[in-house]
PDB file of all heavy atoms in Angstrom:
ATOM      1  N   PHE A   1     165.189  25.110 178.747  1.00  0.00           N
ATOM      2  CA  PHE A   1     166.602  25.157 179.086  1.00  0.00           C
ATOM      3  C   PHE A   1     167.491  25.143 177.841  1.00  0.00           C
ATOM      4  O   PHE A   1     168.563  25.758 177.828  1.00  0.00           O
ATOM      5  CB  PHE A   1     166.955  24.013 180.040  1.00  0.00           C
ATOM      6  CG  PHE A   1     166.421  24.224 181.434  1.00  0.00           C
ATOM      7  CD1 PHE A   1     165.455  23.377 181.978  1.00  0.00           C
ATOM      8  CD2 PHE A   1     166.863  25.293 182.197  1.00  0.00           C
ATOM      9  CE1 PHE A   1     164.960  23.580 183.246  1.00  0.00           C
ATOM     10  CE2 PHE A   1     166.364  25.509 183.486  1.00  0.00           C
ATOM     11  CZ  PHE A   1     165.412  24.649 184.017  1.00  0.00           C
ATOM     12  N   ALA A   2     167.036  24.475 176.795  1.00  0.00           N
ATOM     13  CA  ALA A   2     167.795  24.497 175.539  1.00  0.00           C
ATOM     14  C   ALA A   2     167.780  25.891 174.929  1.00  0.00           C
ATOM     15  O   ALA A   2     168.791  26.374 174.398  1.00  0.00           O
ATOM     16  CB  ALA A   2     167.212  23.481 174.559  1.00  0.00           C
ATOM     17  N   LYS A   3     166.647  26.555 175.006  1.00  0.00           N
ATOM     18  CA  LYS A   3     166.491  27.901 174.430  1.00  0.00           C
ATOM     19  C   LYS A   3     167.284  28.952 175.195  1.00  0.00           C
ATOM     20  O   LYS A   3     167.931  29.821 174.603  1.00  0.00           O
ATOM     21  CB  LYS A   3     165.002  28.273 174.411  1.00  0.00           C
ATOM     22  CG  LYS A   3     164.703  29.697 173.973  1.00  0.00           C
ATOM     23  CD  LYS A   3     163.203  29.963 174.081  1.00  0.00           C
ATOM     24  CE  LYS A   3     162.858  31.405 173.729  1.00  0.00           C
ATOM     25  NZ  LYS A   3     161.402  31.662 173.883  1.00  0.00           N
ATOM     26  N   THR A   4     167.240  28.889 176.509  1.00  0.00           N
ATOM     27  CA  THR A   4     167.836  29.945 177.329  1.00  0.00           C
ATOM     28  C   THR A   4     169.298  29.705 177.667  1.00  0.00           C
ATOM     29  O   THR A   4     170.048  30.665 177.900  1.00  0.00           O
ATOM     30  CB  THR A   4     167.068  30.101 178.653  1.00  0.00           C
ATOM     31  OG1 THR A   4     167.162  28.877 179.403  1.00  0.00           O
ATOM     32  CG2 THR A   4     165.604  30.424 178.386  1.00  0.00           C
ATOM     33  N   GLY A   5     169.705  28.450 177.733  1.00  0.00           N
ATOM     34  CA  GLY A   5     171.058  28.149 178.165  1.00  0.00           C
ATOM     35  C   GLY A   5     171.235  28.236 179.667  1.00  0.00           C
ATOM     36  O   GLY A   5     172.350  28.099 180.174  1.00  0.00           O
ATOM     37  N   TYR A   6     170.150  28.477 180.403  1.00  0.00           N
ATOM     38  CA  TYR A   6     170.240  28.509 181.858  1.00  0.00           C
ATOM     39  C   TYR A   6     170.532  27.118 182.404  1.00  0.00           C
ATOM     40  O   TYR A   6     170.071  26.107 181.844  1.00  0.00           O
ATOM     41  CB  TYR A   6     168.917  28.991 182.468  1.00  0.00           C
ATOM     42  CG  TYR A   6     168.632  30.462 182.324  1.00  0.00           C
ATOM     43  CD1 TYR A   6     167.366  30.906 181.966  1.00  0.00           C
ATOM     44  CD2 TYR A   6     169.616  31.416 182.582  1.00  0.00           C
ATOM     45  CE1 TYR A   6     167.087  32.258 181.857  1.00  0.00           C
ATOM     46  CE2 TYR A   6     169.339  32.771 182.473  1.00  0.00           C
ATOM     47  CZ  TYR A   6     168.071  33.187 182.109  1.00  0.00           C
ATOM     48  OH  TYR A   6     167.796  34.527 182.004  1.00  0.00           O
ATOM     49  N   PRO A   7     171.239  27.014 183.527  1.00  0.00           N
ATOM     50  CA  PRO A   7     171.384  25.721 184.193  1.00  0.00           C
ATOM     51  C   PRO A   7     170.038  25.293 184.775  1.00  0.00           C
ATOM     52  O   PRO A   7     169.170  26.137 185.030  1.00  0.00           O
ATOM     53  CB  PRO A   7     172.406  25.997 185.293  1.00  0.00           C
ATOM     54  CG  PRO A   7     172.269  27.459 185.574  1.00  0.00           C
ATOM     55  CD  PRO A   7     171.943  28.100 184.254  1.00  0.00           C
ATOM     56  N   ARG A   8     169.901  24.000 185.004  1.00  0.00           N
ATOM     57  CA  ARG A   8     168.649  23.494 185.586  1.00  0.00           C
ATOM     58  C   ARG A   8     168.673  23.695 187.098  1.00  0.00           C
ATOM     59  O   ARG A   8     168.595  22.747 187.881  1.00  0.00           O
ATOM     60  CB  ARG A   8     168.458  22.025 185.215  1.00  0.00           C
ATOM     61  CG  ARG A   8     168.183  21.804 183.733  1.00  0.00           C
ATOM     62  CD  ARG A   8     168.134  20.327 183.384  1.00  0.00           C
ATOM     63  NE  ARG A   8     167.856  20.129 181.962  1.00  0.00           N
ATOM     64  CZ  ARG A   8     166.655  19.808 181.457  1.00  0.00           C
ATOM     65  NH1 ARG A   8     165.627  19.620 182.265  1.00  0.00           N
ATOM     66  NH2 ARG A   8     166.485  19.662 180.161  1.00  0.00           N
ATOM     67  N   ALA A   9     168.778  24.955 187.481  1.00  0.00           N
ATOM     68  CA  ALA A   9     168.805  25.329 188.892  1.00  0.00           C
ATOM     69  C   ALA A   9     167.380  25.629 189.353  1.00  0.00           C
ATOM     70  O   ALA A   9     166.518  25.982 188.545  1.00  0.00           O
ATOM     71  CB  ALA A   9     169.703  26.546 189.083  1.00  0.00           C
ATOM     72  N   PRO A  10     167.112  25.509 190.655  1.00  0.00           N
ATOM     73  CA  PRO A  10     165.740  25.686 191.154  1.00  0.00           C
ATOM     74  C   PRO A  10     165.056  26.962 190.678  1.00  0.00           C
ATOM     75  O   PRO A  10     163.894  26.932 190.255  1.00  0.00           O
ATOM     76  CB  PRO A  10     165.933  25.681 192.677  1.00  0.00           C
ATOM     77  CG  PRO A  10     167.115  24.799 192.881  1.00  0.00           C
ATOM     78  CD  PRO A  10     168.038  25.097 191.732  1.00  0.00           C
ATOM     79  N   LYS A  11     165.751  28.107 190.742  1.00  0.00           N
ATOM     80  CA  LYS A  11     165.101  29.368 190.389  1.00  0.00           C
ATOM     81  C   LYS A  11     164.651  29.390 188.938  1.00  0.00           C
ATOM     82  O   LYS A  11     163.609  29.973 188.608  1.00  0.00           O
ATOM     83  CB  LYS A  11     166.033  30.546 190.651  1.00  0.00           C
ATOM     84  CG  LYS A  11     167.345  30.518 189.891  1.00  0.00           C
ATOM     85  CD  LYS A  11     168.276  31.648 190.323  1.00  0.00           C
ATOM     86  CE  LYS A  11     169.653  31.507 189.688  1.00  0.00           C
ATOM     87  NZ  LYS A  11     170.582  32.546 190.194  1.00  0.00           N
ATOM     88  N   TYR A  12     165.405  28.733 188.048  1.00  0.00           N
ATOM     89  CA  TYR A  12     165.052  28.765 186.633  1.00  0.00           C
ATOM     90  C   TYR A  12     163.889  27.828 186.311  1.00  0.00           C
ATOM     91  O   TYR A  12     163.100  28.119 185.403  1.00  0.00           O
ATOM     92  CB  TYR A  12     166.278  28.454 185.776  1.00  0.00           C
ATOM     93  CG  TYR A  12     167.347  29.509 185.897  1.00  0.00           C
ATOM     94  CD1 TYR A  12     168.623  29.188 186.334  1.00  0.00           C
ATOM     95  CD2 TYR A  12     167.068  30.842 185.604  1.00  0.00           C
ATOM     96  CE1 TYR A  12     169.600  30.165 186.465  1.00  0.00           C
ATOM     97  CE2 TYR A  12     168.039  31.821 185.733  1.00  0.00           C
ATOM     98  CZ  TYR A  12     169.310  31.479 186.169  1.00  0.00           C
ATOM     99  OH  TYR A  12     170.275  32.452 186.299  1.00  0.00           O
ATOM    100  N   TYR A  13     163.773  26.727 187.043  1.00  0.00           N
ATOM    101  CA  TYR A  13     162.565  25.905 186.909  1.00  0.00           C
ATOM    102  C   TYR A  13     161.335  26.770 187.218  1.00  0.00           C
ATOM    103  O   TYR A  13     160.354  26.780 186.466  1.00  0.00           O
ATOM    104  CB  TYR A  13     162.596  24.735 187.898  1.00  0.00           C
ATOM    105  CG  TYR A  13     163.411  23.531 187.505  1.00  0.00           C
ATOM    106  CD1 TYR A  13     164.690  23.339 188.028  1.00  0.00           C
ATOM    107  CD2 TYR A  13     162.885  22.549 186.660  1.00  0.00           C
ATOM    108  CE1 TYR A  13     165.432  22.212 187.705  1.00  0.00           C
ATOM    109  CE2 TYR A  13     163.616  21.413 186.332  1.00  0.00           C
ATOM    110  CZ  TYR A  13     164.892  21.247 186.861  1.00  0.00           C
ATOM    111  OH  TYR A  13     165.617  20.131 186.540  1.00  0.00           O
ATOM    112  N   ILE A  14     161.406  27.482 188.352  1.00  0.00           N
ATOM    113  CA  ILE A  14     160.244  28.273 188.790  1.00  0.00           C
ATOM    114  C   ILE A  14     159.951  29.403 187.814  1.00  0.00           C
ATOM    115  O   ILE A  14     158.791  29.685 187.498  1.00  0.00           O
ATOM    116  CB  ILE A  14     160.473  28.815 190.218  1.00  0.00           C
ATOM    117  CG1 ILE A  14     160.637  27.646 191.194  1.00  0.00           C
ATOM    118  CG2 ILE A  14     159.296  29.696 190.640  1.00  0.00           C
ATOM    119  CD1 ILE A  14     161.043  28.070 192.603  1.00  0.00           C
ATOM    120  N   MET A  15     160.994  30.040 187.303  1.00  0.00           N
ATOM    121  CA  MET A  15     160.778  31.101 186.312  1.00  0.00           C
ATOM    122  C   MET A  15     160.075  30.565 185.077  1.00  0.00           C
ATOM    123  O   MET A  15     159.179  31.213 184.521  1.00  0.00           O
ATOM    124  CB  MET A  15     162.118  31.735 185.915  1.00  0.00           C
ATOM    125  CG  MET A  15     162.739  32.598 186.974  1.00  0.00           C
ATOM    126  SD  MET A  15     164.298  33.325 186.374  1.00  0.00           S
ATOM    127  CE  MET A  15     165.078  33.758 187.919  1.00  0.00           C
ATOM    128  N   LYS A  16     160.469  29.377 184.645  1.00  0.00           N
ATOM    129  CA  LYS A  16     159.815  28.756 183.483  1.00  0.00           C
ATOM    130  C   LYS A  16     158.345  28.537 183.774  1.00  0.00           C
ATOM    131  O   LYS A  16     157.472  28.864 182.956  1.00  0.00           O
ATOM    132  CB  LYS A  16     160.514  27.439 183.133  1.00  0.00           C
ATOM    133  CG  LYS A  16     159.985  26.779 181.858  1.00  0.00           C
ATOM    134  CD  LYS A  16     158.794  25.872 182.114  1.00  0.00           C
ATOM    135  CE  LYS A  16     158.213  25.327 180.819  1.00  0.00           C
ATOM    136  NZ  LYS A  16     156.905  24.688 180.997  1.00  0.00           N
ATOM    137  N   TRP A  17     158.061  27.977 184.929  1.00  0.00           N
ATOM    138  CA  TRP A  17     156.665  27.671 185.272  1.00  0.00           C
ATOM    139  C   TRP A  17     155.828  28.951 185.359  1.00  0.00           C
ATOM    140  O   TRP A  17     154.669  28.976 184.912  1.00  0.00           O
ATOM    141  CB  TRP A  17     156.613  26.906 186.595  1.00  0.00           C
ATOM    142  CG  TRP A  17     157.269  25.554 186.517  1.00  0.00           C
ATOM    143  CD1 TRP A  17     157.373  24.752 185.412  1.00  0.00           C
ATOM    144  CD2 TRP A  17     157.925  24.859 187.588  1.00  0.00           C
ATOM    145  NE1 TRP A  17     158.052  23.588 185.729  1.00  0.00           N
ATOM    146  CE2 TRP A  17     158.396  23.628 187.053  1.00  0.00           C
ATOM    147  CE3 TRP A  17     158.159  25.128 188.933  1.00  0.00           C
ATOM    148  CZ2 TRP A  17     159.084  22.691 187.835  1.00  0.00           C
ATOM    149  CZ3 TRP A  17     158.840  24.206 189.712  1.00  0.00           C
ATOM    150  CH2 TRP A  17     159.290  22.996 189.168  1.00  0.00           C
ATOM    151  N   LEU A  18     156.392  29.999 185.930  1.00  0.00           N
ATOM    152  CA  LEU A  18     155.651  31.259 186.031  1.00  0.00           C
ATOM    153  C   LEU A  18     155.453  31.909 184.661  1.00  0.00           C
ATOM    154  O   LEU A  18     154.418  32.528 184.401  1.00  0.00           O
ATOM    155  CB  LEU A  18     156.389  32.219 186.971  1.00  0.00           C
ATOM    156  CG  LEU A  18     156.394  31.821 188.455  1.00  0.00           C
ATOM    157  CD1 LEU A  18     157.331  32.729 189.245  1.00  0.00           C
ATOM    158  CD2 LEU A  18     154.988  31.868 189.051  1.00  0.00           C
ATOM    159  N   SER A  19     156.443  31.768 183.788  1.00  0.00           N
ATOM    160  CA  SER A  19     156.317  32.370 182.448  1.00  0.00           C
ATOM    161  C   SER A  19     155.233  31.696 181.615  1.00  0.00           C
ATOM    162  O   SER A  19     154.696  32.298 180.677  1.00  0.00           O
ATOM    163  CB  SER A  19     157.652  32.317 181.711  1.00  0.00           C
ATOM    164  OG  SER A  19     157.991  30.997 181.318  1.00  0.00           O
ATOM    165  N   ASP A  20     154.885  30.460 181.948  1.00  0.00           N
ATOM    166  CA  ASP A  20     153.824  29.765 181.210  1.00  0.00           C
ATOM    167  C   ASP A  20     152.478  30.481 181.330  1.00  0.00           C
ATOM    168  O   ASP A  20     151.648  30.413 180.420  1.00  0.00           O
ATOM    169  CB  ASP A  20     153.667  28.329 181.724  1.00  0.00           C
ATOM    170  CG  ASP A  20     154.814  27.431 181.293  1.00  0.00           C
ATOM    171  OD1 ASP A  20     155.570  27.822 180.379  1.00  0.00           O
ATOM    172  OD2 ASP A  20     154.964  26.339 181.882  1.00  0.00           O
ATOM    173  N   TYR A  21     152.255  31.165 182.441  1.00  0.00           N
ATOM    174  CA  TYR A  21     150.993  31.891 182.612  1.00  0.00           C
ATOM    175  C   TYR A  21     150.932  33.119 181.699  1.00  0.00           C
ATOM    176  O   TYR A  21     149.854  33.641 181.423  1.00  0.00           O
ATOM    177  CB  TYR A  21     150.800  32.279 184.082  1.00  0.00           C
ATOM    178  CG  TYR A  21     150.613  31.061 184.968  1.00  0.00           C
ATOM    179  CD1 TYR A  21     151.698  30.474 185.614  1.00  0.00           C
ATOM    180  CD2 TYR A  21     149.368  30.465 185.109  1.00  0.00           C
ATOM    181  CE1 TYR A  21     151.546  29.342 186.390  1.00  0.00           C
ATOM    182  CE2 TYR A  21     149.192  29.325 185.886  1.00  0.00           C
ATOM    183  CZ  TYR A  21     150.294  28.765 186.525  1.00  0.00           C
ATOM    184  OH  TYR A  21     150.146  27.619 187.283  1.00  0.00           O
ATOM    185  N   ILE A  22     152.098  33.556 181.237  1.00  0.00           N
ATOM    186  CA  ILE A  22     152.149  34.654 180.273  1.00  0.00           C
ATOM    187  C   ILE A  22     151.876  34.127 178.865  1.00  0.00           C
ATOM    188  O   ILE A  22     151.003  34.628 178.157  1.00  0.00           O
ATOM    189  CB  ILE A  22     153.523  35.354 180.314  1.00  0.00           C
ATOM    190  CG1 ILE A  22     153.864  35.814 181.730  1.00  0.00           C
ATOM    191  CG2 ILE A  22     153.536  36.535 179.343  1.00  0.00           C
ATOM    192  CD1 ILE A  22     155.282  36.339 181.887  1.00  0.00           C
ATOM    193  N   THR A  23     152.624  33.100 178.450  1.00  0.00           N
ATOM    194  CA  THR A  23     152.488  32.594 177.082  1.00  0.00           C
ATOM    195  C   THR A  23     151.166  31.881 176.856  1.00  0.00           C
ATOM    196  O   THR A  23     150.609  31.939 175.760  1.00  0.00           O
ATOM    197  CB  THR A  23     153.645  31.628 176.754  1.00  0.00           C
ATOM    198  OG1 THR A  23     153.731  30.608 177.755  1.00  0.00           O
ATOM    199  CG2 THR A  23     154.964  32.368 176.676  1.00  0.00           C
ATOM    200  N   GLU A  24     150.639  31.235 177.888  1.00  0.00           N
ATOM    201  CA  GLU A  24     149.400  30.466 177.717  1.00  0.00           C
ATOM    202  C   GLU A  24     148.150  31.304 177.898  1.00  0.00           C
ATOM    203  O   GLU A  24     147.158  31.121 177.180  1.00  0.00           O
ATOM    204  CB  GLU A  24     149.375  29.285 178.696  1.00  0.00           C
ATOM    205  CG  GLU A  24     148.188  28.358 178.504  1.00  0.00           C
ATOM    206  CD  GLU A  24     148.229  27.117 179.383  1.00  0.00           C
ATOM    207  OE1 GLU A  24     149.278  26.865 180.020  1.00  0.00           O
ATOM    208  OE2 GLU A  24     147.217  26.386 179.436  1.00  0.00           O
ATOM    209  N   PHE A  25     148.189  32.249 178.838  1.00  0.00           N
ATOM    210  CA  PHE A  25     146.966  32.985 179.173  1.00  0.00           C
ATOM    211  C   PHE A  25     147.029  34.471 178.830  1.00  0.00           C
ATOM    212  O   PHE A  25     146.002  35.139 178.789  1.00  0.00           O
ATOM    213  CB  PHE A  25     146.648  32.827 180.664  1.00  0.00           C
ATOM    214  CG  PHE A  25     146.469  31.399 181.088  1.00  0.00           C
ATOM    215  CD1 PHE A  25     147.504  30.716 181.710  1.00  0.00           C
ATOM    216  CD2 PHE A  25     145.285  30.723 180.825  1.00  0.00           C
ATOM    217  CE1 PHE A  25     147.352  29.391 182.087  1.00  0.00           C
ATOM    218  CE2 PHE A  25     145.127  29.395 181.204  1.00  0.00           C
ATOM    219  CZ  PHE A  25     146.169  28.727 181.829  1.00  0.00           C
ATOM    220  N   GLY A  26     148.223  35.000 178.638  1.00  0.00           N
ATOM    221  CA  GLY A  26     148.340  36.408 178.289  1.00  0.00           C
ATOM    222  C   GLY A  26     148.147  37.354 179.455  1.00  0.00           C
ATOM    223  O   GLY A  26     147.648  38.469 179.260  1.00  0.00           O
ATOM    224  N   ILE A  27     148.552  36.944 180.667  1.00  0.00           N
ATOM    225  CA  ILE A  27     148.481  37.878 181.786  1.00  0.00           C
ATOM    226  C   ILE A  27     149.390  39.061 181.487  1.00  0.00           C
ATOM    227  O   ILE A  27     150.322  38.973 180.687  1.00  0.00           O
ATOM    228  CB  ILE A  27     148.849  37.212 183.122  1.00  0.00           C
ATOM    229  CG1 ILE A  27     150.327  36.793 183.135  1.00  0.00           C
ATOM    230  CG2 ILE A  27     147.927  36.030 183.405  1.00  0.00           C
ATOM    231  CD1 ILE A  27     150.838  36.396 184.508  1.00  0.00           C
ATOM    232  N   ASP A  28     149.146  40.173 182.156  1.00  0.00           N
ATOM    233  CA  ASP A  28     149.808  41.432 181.809  1.00  0.00           C
ATOM    234  C   ASP A  28     150.946  41.818 182.728  1.00  0.00           C
ATOM    235  O   ASP A  28     151.723  42.731 182.423  1.00  0.00           O
ATOM    236  CB  ASP A  28     148.771  42.554 181.825  1.00  0.00           C
ATOM    237  CG  ASP A  28     147.610  42.239 180.907  1.00  0.00           C
ATOM    238  OD1 ASP A  28     147.745  42.435 179.689  1.00  0.00           O
ATOM    239  OD2 ASP A  28     146.562  41.771 181.414  1.00  0.00           O
ATOM    240  N   GLY A  29     151.035  41.155 183.878  1.00  0.00           N
ATOM    241  CA  GLY A  29     152.077  41.534 184.814  1.00  0.00           C
ATOM    242  C   GLY A  29     152.192  40.570 185.964  1.00  0.00           C
ATOM    243  O   GLY A  29     151.347  39.694 186.171  1.00  0.00           O
ATOM    244  N   TYR A  30     153.285  40.726 186.712  1.00  0.00           N
ATOM    245  CA  TYR A  30     153.500  39.981 187.949  1.00  0.00           C
ATOM    246  C   TYR A  30     153.861  40.951 189.062  1.00  0.00           C
ATOM    247  O   TYR A  30     154.643  41.889 188.864  1.00  0.00           O
ATOM    248  CB  TYR A  30     154.649  38.981 187.810  1.00  0.00           C
ATOM    249  CG  TYR A  30     154.246  37.590 187.409  1.00  0.00           C
ATOM    250  CD1 TYR A  30     154.766  37.000 186.264  1.00  0.00           C
ATOM    251  CD2 TYR A  30     153.359  36.841 188.184  1.00  0.00           C
ATOM    252  CE1 TYR A  30     154.419  35.708 185.885  1.00  0.00           C
ATOM    253  CE2 TYR A  30     153.002  35.546 187.817  1.00  0.00           C
ATOM    254  CZ  TYR A  30     153.530  34.985 186.673  1.00  0.00           C
ATOM    255  OH  TYR A  30     153.166  33.706 186.305  1.00  0.00           O
ATOM    256  N   ARG A  31     153.305  40.723 190.207  1.00  0.00           N
ATOM    257  CA  ARG A  31     153.817  41.317 191.432  1.00  0.00           C
ATOM    258  C   ARG A  31     154.749  40.253 192.019  1.00  0.00           C
ATOM    259  O   ARG A  31     154.367  39.101 192.189  1.00  0.00           O
ATOM    260  CB  ARG A  31     152.666  41.629 192.382  1.00  0.00           C
ATOM    261  CG  ARG A  31     153.119  42.154 193.770  1.00  0.00           C
ATOM    262  CD  ARG A  31     153.209  41.032 194.783  1.00  0.00           C
ATOM    263  NE  ARG A  31     153.348  41.522 196.155  1.00  0.00           N
ATOM    264  CZ  ARG A  31     153.517  40.743 197.194  1.00  0.00           C
ATOM    265  NH1 ARG A  31     153.574  39.418 197.049  1.00  0.00           N
ATOM    266  NH2 ARG A  31     153.637  41.249 198.408  1.00  0.00           N
TER     267      ARG A  31
END
């Protein structure tokens, strides 16, 4: 939240959690 400036709204929590699978594991895409 400090990096993005997004409010701590529900959708942004979930986006953060989903993005972790990209940075940690290197998945290639999301449906």
